[in-house]
C-alpha cells in the first residue's frame, strides 16, 4: 500500500522535531516523492549523514511502502 505524504512528513518531524519539511508527490501515484528537509540538526554535517538521518526516521519503509524518495537536505541559511 502506498505511503501518504502526510505520513512521511510526520515520521521525519518525529525524528527531527525542528525540521521544516516539504513533500511533493512526483508522479501522482503515492509511490514517488520528493522531500526537502531543513533542520539546524544538519549544521556542519556531511550531506550523506543528513540523508541517513532522514532515512532512519522513515524506519525501513524505503523500498516497501515508500518506493522512491528524491531527498534534499540542508541546514537553515546562515548556520
N, C-alpha and C. Protein backbone atom coordinates (compact mmCIF):
# COMPACT_ATOMS: atom_id res chain seq x y z
N UNK A 1 0.84 -1.18 0.00
CA UNK A 1 0.00 0.00 0.00
C UNK A 1 0.89 1.24 0.00
N UNK A 2 0.62 2.21 -0.86
CA UNK A 2 1.44 3.43 -0.92
C UNK A 2 1.39 4.20 0.40
N UNK A 3 2.41 5.00 0.60
CA UNK A 3 2.54 5.79 1.81
C UNK A 3 2.08 7.22 1.53
N UNK A 4 1.27 7.79 2.41
CA UNK A 4 0.79 9.16 2.23
C UNK A 4 1.89 10.16 2.55
N UNK A 5 1.87 11.29 1.84
CA UNK A 5 2.84 12.35 2.08
C UNK A 5 2.79 12.81 3.54
N UNK A 6 1.59 12.88 4.10
CA UNK A 6 1.45 13.32 5.49
C UNK A 6 2.14 12.36 6.46
N UNK A 7 2.17 11.09 6.14
CA UNK A 7 2.84 10.10 6.98
C UNK A 7 4.36 10.26 6.90
N UNK A 8 4.87 10.52 5.71
CA UNK A 8 6.31 10.77 5.54
C UNK A 8 6.71 11.99 6.36
N UNK A 9 5.94 13.05 6.24
CA UNK A 9 6.22 14.28 6.98
C UNK A 9 6.16 14.03 8.49
N UNK A 10 5.17 13.30 8.96
CA UNK A 10 5.02 13.01 10.38
C UNK A 10 6.24 12.25 10.92
N UNK A 11 6.67 11.23 10.20
CA UNK A 11 7.82 10.43 10.64
C UNK A 11 9.09 11.27 10.72
N UNK A 12 9.30 12.12 9.73
CA UNK A 12 10.50 12.97 9.73
C UNK A 12 10.44 13.95 10.89
N UNK A 13 9.28 14.58 11.10
CA UNK A 13 9.15 15.57 12.19
C UNK A 13 9.29 14.91 13.57
N UNK A 14 8.86 13.67 13.71
CA UNK A 14 9.03 12.98 14.99
C UNK A 14 10.51 12.77 15.30
N UNK A 15 11.29 12.44 14.28
CA UNK A 15 12.71 12.17 14.47
C UNK A 15 13.55 13.43 14.51
N UNK A 16 13.12 14.46 13.78
CA UNK A 16 13.86 15.72 13.68
C UNK A 16 12.86 16.84 13.96
N UNK A 17 12.58 17.11 15.25
CA UNK A 17 11.46 17.99 15.62
C UNK A 17 11.51 19.41 15.05
N UNK A 18 12.70 19.97 14.83
CA UNK A 18 12.76 21.35 14.32
C UNK A 18 12.71 21.41 12.79
N UNK A 19 12.57 20.27 12.14
CA UNK A 19 12.66 20.21 10.68
C UNK A 19 11.53 20.97 9.99
N UNK A 20 11.91 21.69 8.95
CA UNK A 20 10.95 22.28 8.01
C UNK A 20 10.87 21.27 6.87
N UNK A 21 9.73 20.62 6.71
CA UNK A 21 9.59 19.51 5.77
C UNK A 21 8.60 19.87 4.68
N UNK A 22 9.01 19.69 3.42
CA UNK A 22 8.13 19.88 2.27
C UNK A 22 8.14 18.59 1.47
N UNK A 23 6.96 18.02 1.24
CA UNK A 23 6.84 16.77 0.49
C UNK A 23 6.05 17.03 -0.78
N UNK A 24 6.54 16.52 -1.91
CA UNK A 24 5.82 16.61 -3.19
C UNK A 24 5.67 15.21 -3.76
N UNK A 25 4.47 14.91 -4.25
CA UNK A 25 4.20 13.64 -4.93
C UNK A 25 4.61 13.85 -6.39
N UNK A 26 5.69 13.21 -6.81
CA UNK A 26 6.26 13.46 -8.14
C UNK A 26 5.44 12.87 -9.28
N UNK A 27 4.79 11.74 -9.05
CA UNK A 27 4.11 11.05 -10.14
C UNK A 27 2.59 10.95 -9.93
N UNK A 28 2.11 11.46 -8.80
CA UNK A 28 0.69 11.38 -8.52
C UNK A 28 0.21 9.98 -8.16
N UNK A 29 1.17 9.10 -7.84
CA UNK A 29 0.82 7.70 -7.58
C UNK A 29 1.01 7.29 -6.12
N UNK A 30 1.47 8.22 -5.26
CA UNK A 30 1.69 7.89 -3.87
C UNK A 30 2.90 7.00 -3.64
N UNK A 31 3.71 6.81 -4.65
CA UNK A 31 4.91 5.96 -4.54
C UNK A 31 6.21 6.71 -4.78
N UNK A 32 6.15 7.84 -5.44
CA UNK A 32 7.35 8.58 -5.83
C UNK A 32 7.25 10.01 -5.30
N UNK A 33 8.06 10.30 -4.28
CA UNK A 33 8.01 11.59 -3.63
C UNK A 33 9.35 12.31 -3.70
N UNK A 34 9.27 13.63 -3.55
CA UNK A 34 10.45 14.46 -3.33
C UNK A 34 10.26 15.10 -1.96
N UNK A 35 11.32 15.12 -1.18
CA UNK A 35 11.26 15.74 0.15
C UNK A 35 12.39 16.73 0.30
N UNK A 36 12.06 17.90 0.82
CA UNK A 36 13.07 18.88 1.21
C UNK A 36 12.97 19.00 2.73
N UNK A 37 14.11 18.77 3.40
CA UNK A 37 14.14 18.80 4.85
C UNK A 37 15.23 19.78 5.28
N UNK A 38 14.84 20.82 6.01
CA UNK A 38 15.78 21.81 6.51
C UNK A 38 15.75 21.75 8.03
N UNK A 39 16.92 21.57 8.64
CA UNK A 39 16.99 21.45 10.09
C UNK A 39 18.32 21.97 10.62
N UNK A 40 18.27 22.60 11.79
CA UNK A 40 19.51 23.02 12.46
C UNK A 40 20.36 21.82 12.80
N UNK A 41 19.76 20.66 12.96
CA UNK A 41 20.50 19.43 13.29
C UNK A 41 21.51 19.08 12.19
N UNK A 42 21.29 19.57 10.98
CA UNK A 42 22.18 19.25 9.86
C UNK A 42 23.41 20.16 9.79
N UNK A 43 23.46 21.21 10.59
CA UNK A 43 24.57 22.18 10.53
C UNK A 43 25.91 21.46 10.74
N UNK A 44 26.84 21.67 9.82
CA UNK A 44 28.17 21.09 9.91
C UNK A 44 28.24 19.60 9.60
N UNK A 45 27.15 19.03 9.18
CA UNK A 45 27.08 17.59 8.93
C UNK A 45 27.19 17.31 7.42
N UNK A 46 27.98 16.33 7.02
CA UNK A 46 28.05 15.99 5.59
C UNK A 46 26.68 15.57 5.05
N UNK A 47 26.44 15.85 3.79
CA UNK A 47 25.14 15.57 3.17
C UNK A 47 24.73 14.10 3.33
N UNK A 48 25.68 13.19 3.19
CA UNK A 48 25.34 11.76 3.30
C UNK A 48 24.81 11.45 4.70
N UNK A 49 25.37 12.07 5.71
CA UNK A 49 24.90 11.86 7.09
C UNK A 49 23.50 12.46 7.28
N UNK A 50 23.26 13.63 6.68
CA UNK A 50 21.93 14.25 6.73
C UNK A 50 20.89 13.30 6.15
N UNK A 51 21.21 12.73 5.01
CA UNK A 51 20.28 11.80 4.35
C UNK A 51 20.06 10.56 5.21
N UNK A 52 21.12 10.07 5.84
CA UNK A 52 20.99 8.89 6.69
C UNK A 52 20.02 9.15 7.84
N UNK A 53 20.07 10.36 8.41
CA UNK A 53 19.14 10.70 9.50
C UNK A 53 17.69 10.65 9.02
N UNK A 54 17.45 11.17 7.82
CA UNK A 54 16.08 11.16 7.28
C UNK A 54 15.65 9.73 6.98
N UNK A 55 16.50 8.95 6.36
CA UNK A 55 16.13 7.56 6.05
C UNK A 55 15.88 6.76 7.33
N UNK A 56 16.67 7.02 8.37
CA UNK A 56 16.46 6.34 9.65
C UNK A 56 15.09 6.72 10.22
N UNK A 57 14.70 7.98 10.05
CA UNK A 57 13.39 8.45 10.53
C UNK A 57 12.25 7.68 9.85
N UNK A 58 12.48 7.26 8.61
CA UNK A 58 11.44 6.54 7.86
C UNK A 58 11.37 5.07 8.26
N UNK A 59 12.28 4.62 9.09
CA UNK A 59 12.19 3.32 9.73
C UNK A 59 12.08 2.13 8.81
N UNK A 60 12.86 2.06 7.77
CA UNK A 60 12.86 0.88 6.92
C UNK A 60 11.72 0.82 5.91
N UNK A 61 11.00 1.90 5.75
CA UNK A 61 9.88 1.90 4.79
C UNK A 61 10.34 2.10 3.35
N UNK A 62 11.57 2.58 3.17
CA UNK A 62 12.10 2.75 1.80
C UNK A 62 12.14 1.40 1.10
N UNK A 63 11.67 1.38 -0.13
CA UNK A 63 11.68 0.14 -0.91
C UNK A 63 10.47 -0.73 -0.64
N UNK A 64 9.71 -0.41 0.39
CA UNK A 64 8.49 -1.15 0.70
C UNK A 64 7.29 -0.25 0.48
N UNK A 65 6.78 0.31 1.59
CA UNK A 65 5.66 1.24 1.50
C UNK A 65 6.02 2.48 0.68
N UNK A 66 7.27 2.88 0.78
CA UNK A 66 7.75 4.07 0.08
C UNK A 66 8.73 3.63 -1.00
N UNK A 67 8.29 3.71 -2.24
CA UNK A 67 9.08 3.18 -3.35
C UNK A 67 10.29 4.05 -3.68
N UNK A 68 10.08 5.36 -3.80
CA UNK A 68 11.18 6.24 -4.19
C UNK A 68 11.05 7.59 -3.50
N UNK A 69 12.17 8.12 -3.02
CA UNK A 69 12.20 9.42 -2.36
C UNK A 69 13.40 10.19 -2.88
N UNK A 70 13.12 11.27 -3.56
CA UNK A 70 14.17 12.20 -4.00
C UNK A 70 14.38 13.15 -2.83
N UNK A 71 15.56 13.13 -2.23
CA UNK A 71 15.78 13.82 -0.97
C UNK A 71 16.74 14.99 -1.13
N UNK A 72 16.34 16.13 -0.57
CA UNK A 72 17.20 17.31 -0.50
C UNK A 72 17.22 17.74 0.96
N UNK A 73 18.41 17.87 1.53
CA UNK A 73 18.54 18.28 2.91
C UNK A 73 19.45 19.49 3.00
N UNK A 74 19.25 20.29 4.07
CA UNK A 74 20.08 21.47 4.28
C UNK A 74 19.91 21.96 5.69
N UNK A 75 20.92 22.69 6.17
CA UNK A 75 20.78 23.46 7.40
C UNK A 75 20.18 24.80 7.00
N UNK A 76 19.52 25.48 7.94
CA UNK A 76 18.98 26.80 7.61
C UNK A 76 20.09 27.74 7.15
N UNK A 77 19.77 28.67 6.30
CA UNK A 77 20.77 29.63 5.79
C UNK A 77 21.43 30.36 6.95
N UNK A 78 22.73 30.51 6.83
CA UNK A 78 23.49 31.23 7.85
C UNK A 78 23.93 30.35 9.01
N UNK A 79 23.67 29.05 8.93
CA UNK A 79 24.11 28.15 10.01
C UNK A 79 25.06 27.12 9.49
